[in-house]
């Protein structure tokens, strides 16, 4: 089963998304957006950029 993006409105009225793996585990979450369309744009950005994103180790 492929993963899926879930789009939802949180308790404070912001729109958010989360990416779930095929097993139902949440593997990524998005920031709060003022509008649903903003959250959809965030999902589109993840889709466009994640495949080629560089992995960089950083120190805390």
Protein backbone atom coordinates (compact mmCIF):
# COMPACT_ATOMS: atom_id res chain seq x y z
CA UNK A 1 0.00 0.00 0.00
CA UNK A 2 1.37 3.41 -0.96
CA UNK A 3 1.62 6.28 1.48
CA UNK A 4 -0.82 9.16 1.52
CA UNK A 5 -1.05 12.81 2.44
CA UNK A 6 -3.78 13.69 4.93
CA UNK A 7 -5.06 17.27 4.86
CA UNK A 8 -6.92 18.60 7.92
CA UNK A 9 -7.91 21.68 9.88
CA UNK A 10 -6.47 21.76 13.41
CA UNK A 11 -8.20 23.00 16.59
CA UNK A 12 -6.90 26.54 16.12
CA UNK A 13 -8.24 26.77 12.55
CA UNK A 14 -4.92 26.30 10.74
CA UNK A 15 -4.66 23.85 7.85
CA UNK A 16 -2.01 21.14 8.14
CA UNK A 17 -0.92 17.99 6.39
CA UNK A 18 0.80 14.81 7.37
CA UNK A 19 2.36 12.12 5.24
CA UNK A 20 1.62 8.57 6.29
CA UNK A 21 3.52 5.49 5.15
CA UNK A 22 1.68 2.47 3.82
CA UNK A 23 1.68 0.97 7.31
CA UNK A 24 -0.12 4.04 8.73
CA UNK A 25 2.93 5.51 10.49
CA UNK A 26 3.26 9.30 10.28
CA UNK A 27 6.56 10.05 8.56
CA UNK A 28 6.27 13.80 7.95
CA UNK A 29 4.13 16.72 9.11
CA UNK A 30 3.61 20.17 7.70
CA UNK A 31 3.49 23.54 9.40
CA UNK A 32 0.20 25.34 10.01
CA UNK A 33 -1.23 27.28 7.07
CA UNK A 34 -3.89 29.99 7.17
CA UNK A 35 -5.71 28.49 4.20
CA UNK A 36 -6.44 25.07 2.77
CA UNK A 37 -4.85 26.11 -0.52
CA UNK A 38 -1.66 27.03 1.35
CA UNK A 39 -1.48 23.54 2.83
CA UNK A 40 -2.09 22.00 -0.61
CA UNK A 41 0.79 24.13 -1.95
CA UNK A 42 2.94 22.78 0.90
CA UNK A 43 2.10 19.22 -0.15
CA UNK A 44 2.96 20.06 -3.76
CA UNK A 45 6.30 21.50 -2.62
CA UNK A 46 7.17 18.30 -0.74
CA UNK A 47 6.25 16.23 -3.78
CA UNK A 48 8.45 18.35 -6.07
CA UNK A 49 11.46 18.71 -3.82
CA UNK A 50 11.75 15.57 -1.70
CA UNK A 51 12.83 13.12 -4.41
CA UNK A 52 16.04 15.02 -5.18
CA UNK A 53 16.68 16.47 -1.72
CA UNK A 54 20.19 16.08 -0.37
CA UNK A 55 20.64 14.34 3.00
CA UNK A 56 22.95 16.37 5.24
CA UNK A 57 23.95 15.50 8.79
CA UNK A 58 23.93 18.50 11.13
CA UNK A 59 25.00 18.92 14.73
CA UNK A 60 22.47 19.98 17.34
